[in-house]
């Protein structure tokens, strides 16, 4: 017994579908929902990551982090260093002020204490719920990864 053939589904070469009331403009595709196993809790991400480069004046800019924290121009900040990382908190009594461009300026004393140099990349971790941003030097991130995660196909966690 032979079944009838099913024609392949091949998109046409015609332009994208037009939305109603939008002549000449393609309708934006809506994102597909993410699959989750039944009964699993929703995934909540309380940390937003980014990468920034320190310039010669100690400025670090990363727009996604600033947007996630909701910090605005003129907000007062307190910067501290602990365990080789720079911690930035929004604080009404803070000594630093966030400029209009919303970049963070790490003072020279803190950069020196944490071994940060101009041109160096830092991993930025923002916790909006705690109004906190932490800048991790990549040397420290590398040490943590090597100490805790083995690299595939290597011995002793070393690449």
N, C-alpha and C. Protein backbone atom coordinates (compact mmCIF):
# COMPACT_ATOMS: atom_id res chain seq x y z
N UNK A 1 0.84 -1.17 0.00
CA UNK A 1 0.00 0.00 0.00
C UNK A 1 0.89 1.23 0.00
N UNK A 2 0.61 2.13 -0.85
CA UNK A 2 1.39 3.36 -0.92
C UNK A 2 0.53 4.53 -0.49
N UNK A 3 1.14 5.40 0.31
CA UNK A 3 0.43 6.59 0.79
C UNK A 3 0.68 7.72 -0.19
N UNK A 4 -0.26 8.66 -0.26
CA UNK A 4 -0.03 9.79 -1.17
C UNK A 4 1.14 10.64 -0.67
N UNK A 5 1.88 11.21 -1.58
CA UNK A 5 3.01 12.06 -1.23
C UNK A 5 2.52 13.38 -0.65
N UNK A 6 3.29 13.88 0.28
CA UNK A 6 2.97 15.18 0.89
C UNK A 6 3.94 16.19 0.32
N UNK A 7 3.39 17.27 -0.18
CA UNK A 7 4.22 18.31 -0.78
C UNK A 7 5.08 18.99 0.29
N UNK A 8 6.34 19.30 -0.01
CA UNK A 8 7.19 19.98 0.98
C UNK A 8 6.69 21.40 1.24
N UNK A 9 6.96 21.86 2.43
CA UNK A 9 6.58 23.23 2.80
C UNK A 9 7.82 24.09 2.62
N UNK A 10 7.78 24.93 1.61
CA UNK A 10 8.90 25.81 1.32
C UNK A 10 8.38 27.23 1.30
N UNK A 11 8.99 28.11 2.09
CA UNK A 11 8.51 29.49 2.09
C UNK A 11 8.68 30.12 0.71
N UNK A 12 7.72 30.94 0.36
CA UNK A 12 7.80 31.61 -0.93
C UNK A 12 8.85 32.71 -0.87
N UNK A 13 9.25 33.18 -2.01
CA UNK A 13 10.22 34.26 -2.08
C UNK A 13 9.57 35.62 -1.97
N UNK A 14 8.27 35.66 -1.67
CA UNK A 14 7.57 36.94 -1.58
C UNK A 14 7.94 37.66 -0.29
N UNK A 15 7.75 38.98 -0.23
CA UNK A 15 8.07 39.74 0.98
C UNK A 15 7.27 39.25 2.16
N UNK A 16 7.71 39.66 3.35
CA UNK A 16 7.05 39.26 4.59
C UNK A 16 5.60 39.71 4.58
N UNK A 17 4.77 39.00 5.35
CA UNK A 17 3.35 39.36 5.43
C UNK A 17 3.22 40.79 5.95
N UNK A 18 2.25 41.44 5.45
CA UNK A 18 1.99 42.81 5.87
C UNK A 18 0.96 42.80 6.98
N UNK A 19 1.18 43.61 7.96
CA UNK A 19 0.22 43.73 9.06
C UNK A 19 -0.92 44.63 8.65
N UNK A 20 -2.10 44.44 9.26
CA UNK A 20 -3.23 45.29 8.91
C UNK A 20 -2.94 46.73 9.29
N UNK A 21 -3.25 47.63 8.40
CA UNK A 21 -3.08 49.05 8.68
C UNK A 21 -1.65 49.52 8.54
N UNK A 22 -0.75 48.65 8.12
CA UNK A 22 0.66 49.04 7.98
C UNK A 22 1.11 48.79 6.56
N UNK A 23 0.63 49.55 5.59
CA UNK A 23 1.03 49.29 4.21
C UNK A 23 2.53 49.50 4.03
N UNK A 24 3.14 48.54 3.35
CA UNK A 24 4.55 48.66 3.03
C UNK A 24 5.49 48.32 4.16
N UNK A 25 4.97 47.94 5.35
CA UNK A 25 5.85 47.60 6.47
C UNK A 25 5.59 46.15 6.86
N UNK A 26 6.66 45.42 7.07
CA UNK A 26 6.53 44.02 7.47
C UNK A 26 6.14 43.94 8.94
N UNK A 27 5.33 42.97 9.27
CA UNK A 27 4.93 42.76 10.66
C UNK A 27 6.07 42.06 11.39
N UNK A 28 6.38 42.53 12.59
CA UNK A 28 7.46 41.92 13.38
C UNK A 28 7.01 40.55 13.86
N UNK A 29 7.89 39.60 13.77
CA UNK A 29 7.59 38.26 14.27
C UNK A 29 7.61 38.28 15.78
N UNK A 30 6.63 37.64 16.39
CA UNK A 30 6.61 37.58 17.85
C UNK A 30 7.45 36.41 18.31
N UNK A 31 8.13 36.55 19.46
CA UNK A 31 8.99 35.47 19.92
C UNK A 31 8.17 34.26 20.35
N UNK A 32 8.75 33.11 20.18
CA UNK A 32 8.10 31.88 20.62
C UNK A 32 8.27 31.73 22.11
N UNK A 33 7.29 31.12 22.80
CA UNK A 33 7.43 30.91 24.24
C UNK A 33 8.50 29.87 24.52
N UNK A 34 9.17 30.00 25.65
CA UNK A 34 10.19 29.03 26.05
C UNK A 34 9.51 27.81 26.66
N UNK A 35 10.04 26.64 26.34
CA UNK A 35 9.47 25.41 26.88
C UNK A 35 9.99 25.16 28.28
N UNK A 36 9.09 24.73 29.16
CA UNK A 36 9.45 24.33 30.52
C UNK A 36 8.78 23.00 30.82
N UNK A 37 9.44 22.15 31.59
CA UNK A 37 8.78 20.91 31.98
C UNK A 37 7.53 21.22 32.80
N UNK A 38 6.47 20.41 32.66
CA UNK A 38 5.26 20.67 33.43
C UNK A 38 5.54 20.65 34.93
N UNK A 39 4.97 21.61 35.63
CA UNK A 39 5.12 21.67 37.09
C UNK A 39 6.38 22.35 37.56
N UNK A 40 7.27 22.77 36.65
CA UNK A 40 8.51 23.42 37.09
C UNK A 40 8.22 24.88 37.40
N UNK A 41 8.93 25.44 38.38
CA UNK A 41 8.70 26.84 38.72
C UNK A 41 9.22 27.76 37.63
N UNK A 42 8.69 28.96 37.52
CA UNK A 42 9.21 29.89 36.51
C UNK A 42 10.66 30.24 36.81
N UNK A 43 11.42 30.48 35.77
CA UNK A 43 12.82 30.83 35.93
C UNK A 43 12.91 32.32 36.25
N UNK A 44 13.51 32.64 37.37
CA UNK A 44 13.68 34.03 37.78
C UNK A 44 15.16 34.35 37.79
N UNK A 45 15.54 35.36 37.09
CA UNK A 45 16.94 35.76 37.03
C UNK A 45 17.12 37.03 37.84
N UNK A 46 17.83 36.93 38.94
CA UNK A 46 18.01 38.11 39.77
C UNK A 46 19.37 38.78 39.56
N UNK A 47 20.16 38.26 38.61
CA UNK A 47 21.45 38.85 38.31
C UNK A 47 21.52 39.12 36.80
N UNK A 48 21.98 40.32 36.45
CA UNK A 48 22.18 40.69 35.05
C UNK A 48 23.68 40.87 34.86
N UNK A 49 24.23 40.22 33.81
CA UNK A 49 25.67 40.27 33.55
C UNK A 49 25.98 41.13 32.34
N UNK A 50 27.16 41.69 32.36
CA UNK A 50 27.67 42.45 31.24
C UNK A 50 29.18 42.48 31.31
N UNK A 51 29.78 42.99 30.26
CA UNK A 51 31.24 43.13 30.22
C UNK A 51 31.54 44.58 29.90
N UNK A 52 32.45 45.17 30.65
CA UNK A 52 32.84 46.55 30.42
C UNK A 52 34.35 46.67 30.37
N UNK A 53 34.82 47.73 29.75
CA UNK A 53 36.26 48.00 29.66
C UNK A 53 36.54 49.27 30.46
N UNK A 54 37.57 49.22 31.29
CA UNK A 54 37.96 50.37 32.09
C UNK A 54 38.81 51.30 31.23
N UNK A 55 38.42 52.58 31.17
CA UNK A 55 39.23 53.52 30.40
C UNK A 55 40.29 54.15 31.31
N UNK A 56 41.11 55.02 30.77
CA UNK A 56 42.22 55.62 31.52
C UNK A 56 41.77 56.43 32.73
N UNK A 57 40.52 56.90 32.71
CA UNK A 57 39.99 57.67 33.84
C UNK A 57 39.21 56.82 34.83
N UNK A 58 39.18 55.51 34.60
CA UNK A 58 38.47 54.61 35.51
C UNK A 58 37.00 54.44 35.19
N UNK A 59 36.57 54.96 34.04
CA UNK A 59 35.15 54.84 33.66
C UNK A 59 34.88 53.47 33.07
N UNK A 60 33.70 52.92 33.43
CA UNK A 60 33.23 51.65 32.90
C UNK A 60 31.79 51.88 32.45
N UNK A 61 31.50 51.59 31.19
CA UNK A 61 30.15 51.80 30.67
C UNK A 61 29.62 50.50 30.09
N UNK A 62 28.37 50.19 30.42
CA UNK A 62 27.68 49.02 29.87
C UNK A 62 26.19 49.32 30.00
N UNK A 63 25.52 49.63 28.90
CA UNK A 63 24.15 50.14 28.92
C UNK A 63 23.13 49.16 29.49
N UNK A 64 23.27 47.87 29.22
CA UNK A 64 22.29 46.90 29.72
C UNK A 64 22.29 46.86 31.24
N UNK A 65 23.45 46.99 31.83
CA UNK A 65 23.55 46.98 33.30
C UNK A 65 22.88 48.22 33.88
N UNK A 66 23.17 49.38 33.33
CA UNK A 66 22.57 50.62 33.83
C UNK A 66 21.05 50.56 33.70
N UNK A 67 20.56 50.03 32.59
CA UNK A 67 19.11 49.93 32.39
C UNK A 67 18.49 48.94 33.38
N UNK A 68 19.16 47.82 33.62
CA UNK A 68 18.62 46.81 34.53
C UNK A 68 18.54 47.34 35.96
N UNK A 69 19.52 48.13 36.36
CA UNK A 69 19.52 48.67 37.72
C UNK A 69 18.53 49.83 37.88
N UNK A 70 18.23 50.50 36.79
CA UNK A 70 17.32 51.64 36.87
C UNK A 70 17.96 52.87 37.50
N UNK A 71 19.29 52.91 37.53
CA UNK A 71 19.98 54.06 38.09
C UNK A 71 19.88 55.23 37.12
N UNK A 72 19.70 56.42 37.66
CA UNK A 72 19.52 57.62 36.84
C UNK A 72 20.65 58.61 37.09
N UNK A 73 20.80 59.50 36.14
CA UNK A 73 21.77 60.58 36.28
C UNK A 73 21.51 61.33 37.58
N UNK A 74 22.57 61.57 38.33
CA UNK A 74 22.44 62.28 39.59
C UNK A 74 22.30 61.38 40.81
N UNK A 75 22.07 60.07 40.61
CA UNK A 75 21.99 59.16 41.75
C UNK A 75 23.33 59.14 42.47
N UNK A 76 23.28 59.09 43.78
CA UNK A 76 24.50 59.02 44.60
C UNK A 76 24.90 57.55 44.75
N UNK A 77 26.21 57.30 44.70
CA UNK A 77 26.76 55.95 44.75
C UNK A 77 27.85 55.85 45.80
N UNK A 78 27.94 54.67 46.41
CA UNK A 78 29.05 54.33 47.29
C UNK A 78 29.82 53.21 46.64
N UNK A 79 31.14 53.39 46.50
CA UNK A 79 32.00 52.37 45.91
C UNK A 79 32.96 51.85 46.97
N UNK A 80 33.06 50.54 47.06
CA UNK A 80 33.98 49.90 48.00
C UNK A 80 34.71 48.76 47.28
N UNK A 81 35.76 48.28 47.90
CA UNK A 81 36.49 47.13 47.35
C UNK A 81 36.54 46.06 48.43
N UNK A 82 36.23 44.84 48.03
CA UNK A 82 36.36 43.72 48.96
C UNK A 82 36.68 42.47 48.16
N UNK A 83 37.60 41.70 48.66
CA UNK A 83 38.02 40.44 48.03
C UNK A 83 38.43 40.62 46.57
N UNK A 84 39.06 41.76 46.24
CA UNK A 84 39.57 41.98 44.90
C UNK A 84 38.54 42.43 43.88
N UNK A 85 37.32 42.77 44.33
CA UNK A 85 36.29 43.24 43.42
C UNK A 85 35.79 44.61 43.87
N UNK A 86 35.23 45.36 42.93
CA UNK A 86 34.66 46.67 43.24
C UNK A 86 33.15 46.50 43.39
N UNK A 87 32.61 46.98 44.49
CA UNK A 87 31.18 46.90 44.76
C UNK A 87 30.62 48.31 44.72
N UNK A 88 29.55 48.51 43.94
CA UNK A 88 28.92 49.82 43.79
C UNK A 88 27.47 49.68 44.25
N UNK A 89 27.06 50.58 45.14
CA UNK A 89 25.69 50.58 45.64
C UNK A 89 25.10 51.97 45.50
N UNK A 90 23.81 52.02 45.19
CA UNK A 90 23.12 53.31 45.19
C UNK A 90 22.89 53.66 46.66
N UNK A 91 23.29 54.89 47.02
CA UNK A 91 23.26 55.30 48.42
C UNK A 91 23.05 56.81 48.48
N UNK A 92 21.95 57.26 49.10
CA UNK A 92 21.70 58.72 49.16
C UNK A 92 22.85 59.51 49.80
N UNK A 93 23.65 58.85 50.63
CA UNK A 93 24.77 59.52 51.28
C UNK A 93 26.09 59.24 50.55
N UNK A 94 26.03 58.64 49.36
CA UNK A 94 27.24 58.27 48.62
C UNK A 94 28.06 59.47 48.20
N UNK A 95 29.36 59.25 48.05
CA UNK A 95 30.30 60.32 47.69
C UNK A 95 30.38 60.54 46.17
N UNK A 96 29.99 59.55 45.38
CA UNK A 96 30.07 59.67 43.92
C UNK A 96 28.67 59.92 43.36
N UNK A 97 28.63 60.58 42.20
CA UNK A 97 27.36 60.86 41.53
C UNK A 97 27.39 60.22 40.14
N UNK A 98 26.31 59.57 39.77
CA UNK A 98 26.21 58.96 38.45
C UNK A 98 26.01 60.07 37.42
N UNK A 99 26.90 60.16 36.41
CA UNK A 99 26.77 61.21 35.40
C UNK A 99 25.62 60.91 34.43
N UNK A 100 25.31 61.87 33.57
CA UNK A 100 24.23 61.72 32.60
C UNK A 100 24.45 60.54 31.66
N UNK A 101 25.69 60.23 31.35
CA UNK A 101 25.98 59.11 30.45
C UNK A 101 25.86 57.76 31.16
N UNK A 102 25.61 57.76 32.44
CA UNK A 102 25.37 56.56 33.27
C UNK A 102 26.54 55.57 33.25
N UNK A 103 27.77 56.07 33.20
CA UNK A 103 28.91 55.18 33.37
C UNK A 103 29.36 55.29 34.82
N UNK A 104 30.01 54.24 35.29
CA UNK A 104 30.53 54.20 36.65
C UNK A 104 32.00 54.63 36.59
N UNK A 105 32.42 55.46 37.51
CA UNK A 105 33.83 55.84 37.61
C UNK A 105 34.40 55.16 38.85
N UNK A 106 35.37 54.28 38.62
CA UNK A 106 36.04 53.60 39.73
C UNK A 106 37.25 54.44 40.11
N UNK A 107 37.28 54.97 41.33
CA UNK A 107 38.40 55.82 41.75
C UNK A 107 39.74 55.07 41.67
N UNK A 108 40.81 55.81 41.46
CA UNK A 108 42.15 55.23 41.30
C UNK A 108 42.54 54.35 42.47
N UNK A 109 42.23 54.78 43.70
CA UNK A 109 42.61 53.98 44.87
C UNK A 109 41.95 52.60 44.84
N UNK A 110 40.68 52.53 44.43
CA UNK A 110 40.00 51.24 44.34
C UNK A 110 40.53 50.41 43.18
N UNK A 111 40.82 51.06 42.05
CA UNK A 111 41.39 50.33 40.91
C UNK A 111 42.73 49.72 41.31
N UNK A 112 43.56 50.50 42.01
CA UNK A 112 44.86 50.01 42.43
C UNK A 112 44.71 48.84 43.42
N UNK A 113 43.81 48.98 44.37
CA UNK A 113 43.59 47.94 45.39
C UNK A 113 43.14 46.62 44.75
N UNK A 114 42.36 46.71 43.67
CA UNK A 114 41.85 45.51 43.00
C UNK A 114 42.70 45.08 41.82
N UNK A 115 43.78 45.82 41.54
CA UNK A 115 44.67 45.46 40.43
C UNK A 115 44.06 45.71 39.07
N UNK A 116 43.17 46.68 38.96
CA UNK A 116 42.53 47.00 37.69
C UNK A 116 43.32 48.06 36.96
N UNK A 117 43.53 47.84 35.66
CA UNK A 117 44.29 48.79 34.84
C UNK A 117 43.44 49.28 33.67
N UNK A 118 43.83 50.42 33.11
CA UNK A 118 43.15 50.97 31.95
C UNK A 118 43.18 49.95 30.81
N UNK A 119 42.07 49.81 30.12
CA UNK A 119 41.96 48.87 29.02
C UNK A 119 41.53 47.48 29.43
N UNK A 120 41.52 47.20 30.71
CA UNK A 120 41.15 45.87 31.19
C UNK A 120 39.65 45.67 31.16
N UNK A 121 39.25 44.44 30.81
CA UNK A 121 37.83 44.08 30.83
C UNK A 121 37.44 43.61 32.22
N UNK A 122 36.21 43.91 32.60
CA UNK A 122 35.67 43.42 33.87
C UNK A 122 34.31 42.79 33.62
N UNK A 123 34.00 41.76 34.39
CA UNK A 123 32.68 41.16 34.38
C UNK A 123 31.82 41.96 35.34
N UNK A 124 30.72 42.49 34.84
CA UNK A 124 29.81 43.28 35.67
C UNK A 124 28.61 42.41 36.03
N UNK A 125 28.30 42.34 37.30
CA UNK A 125 27.15 41.58 37.78
C UNK A 125 26.26 42.53 38.57
N UNK A 126 25.04 42.74 38.06
CA UNK A 126 24.11 43.66 38.72
C UNK A 126 23.00 42.86 39.37
N UNK A 127 22.66 43.23 40.59
CA UNK A 127 21.51 42.65 41.29
C UNK A 127 20.52 43.77 41.53
N UNK A 128 19.58 43.97 40.58
CA UNK A 128 18.64 45.07 40.71
C UNK A 128 17.85 45.05 42.01
N UNK A 129 17.50 43.88 42.49
CA UNK A 129 16.75 43.77 43.74
C UNK A 129 17.52 44.26 44.96
N UNK A 130 18.84 44.28 44.86
CA UNK A 130 19.69 44.75 45.95
C UNK A 130 20.35 46.09 45.62
N UNK A 131 20.03 46.65 44.46
CA UNK A 131 20.58 47.94 44.05
C UNK A 131 22.11 47.93 44.07
N UNK A 132 22.70 46.84 43.59
CA UNK A 132 24.14 46.63 43.70
C UNK A 132 24.74 46.19 42.37
N UNK A 133 25.94 46.69 42.09
CA UNK A 133 26.72 46.30 40.92
C UNK A 133 28.10 45.88 41.42
N UNK A 134 28.60 44.76 40.91
CA UNK A 134 29.93 44.28 41.27
C UNK A 134 30.75 44.14 40.00
N UNK A 135 31.99 44.66 40.02
CA UNK A 135 32.92 44.54 38.89
C UNK A 135 34.01 43.55 39.26
N UNK A 136 34.05 42.44 38.54
CA UNK A 136 35.02 41.37 38.79
C UNK A 136 36.13 41.44 37.75
N UNK A 137 37.39 41.54 38.15
CA UNK A 137 38.49 41.47 37.18
C UNK A 137 38.49 40.09 36.51
N UNK A 138 38.77 40.05 35.22
CA UNK A 138 38.74 38.76 34.52
C UNK A 138 39.78 37.78 35.03
N UNK A 139 40.88 38.26 35.60
CA UNK A 139 41.85 37.35 36.21
C UNK A 139 41.21 36.57 37.35
N UNK A 140 40.40 37.24 38.15
CA UNK A 140 39.70 36.59 39.27
C UNK A 140 38.63 35.63 38.75
N UNK A 141 37.91 36.02 37.70
CA UNK A 141 36.91 35.14 37.10
C UNK A 141 37.58 33.89 36.55
N UNK A 142 38.71 34.05 35.89
CA UNK A 142 39.45 32.91 35.35
C UNK A 142 39.88 31.95 36.45
N UNK A 143 40.40 32.49 37.55
CA UNK A 143 40.80 31.64 38.68
C UNK A 143 39.62 30.85 39.23
N UNK A 144 38.47 31.51 39.37
CA UNK A 144 37.28 30.84 39.90
C UNK A 144 36.81 29.72 38.97
N UNK A 145 36.82 29.98 37.68
CA UNK A 145 36.38 28.96 36.73
C UNK A 145 37.33 27.77 36.76
N UNK A 146 38.62 28.04 36.74
CA UNK A 146 39.60 26.95 36.74
C UNK A 146 39.55 26.13 38.02
N UNK A 147 39.23 26.77 39.13
CA UNK A 147 39.18 26.06 40.41
C UNK A 147 37.94 25.19 40.55
N UNK A 148 36.85 25.56 39.87
CA UNK A 148 35.59 24.87 40.13
C UNK A 148 35.01 24.10 38.96
N UNK A 149 35.43 24.40 37.75
CA UNK A 149 34.84 23.75 36.58
C UNK A 149 35.93 23.12 35.72
N UNK A 150 35.89 21.79 35.57
CA UNK A 150 36.88 21.17 34.69
C UNK A 150 36.55 21.50 33.23
N UNK A 151 37.59 21.67 32.44
CA UNK A 151 37.41 21.90 31.01
C UNK A 151 37.26 20.55 30.33
N UNK A 152 36.30 20.41 29.41
CA UNK A 152 36.13 19.13 28.73
C UNK A 152 37.41 18.70 28.01
N UNK A 153 37.73 17.43 28.13
CA UNK A 153 38.88 16.90 27.42
C UNK A 153 40.22 17.25 28.04
N UNK A 154 40.21 17.76 29.30
CA UNK A 154 41.47 18.10 29.94
C UNK A 154 41.55 17.40 31.29
N UNK A 155 42.73 17.40 31.87
CA UNK A 155 42.93 16.78 33.17
C UNK A 155 43.15 17.85 34.21
N UNK A 156 42.56 17.66 35.36
CA UNK A 156 42.79 18.57 36.48
C UNK A 156 42.18 19.94 36.31
N UNK A 157 41.22 20.08 35.41
CA UNK A 157 40.55 21.37 35.24
C UNK A 157 41.33 22.39 34.44
N UNK A 158 42.47 22.00 33.89
CA UNK A 158 43.29 22.94 33.12
C UNK A 158 43.07 22.71 31.63
N UNK A 159 43.00 23.77 30.83
CA UNK A 159 42.83 23.61 29.39
C UNK A 159 44.06 23.05 28.73
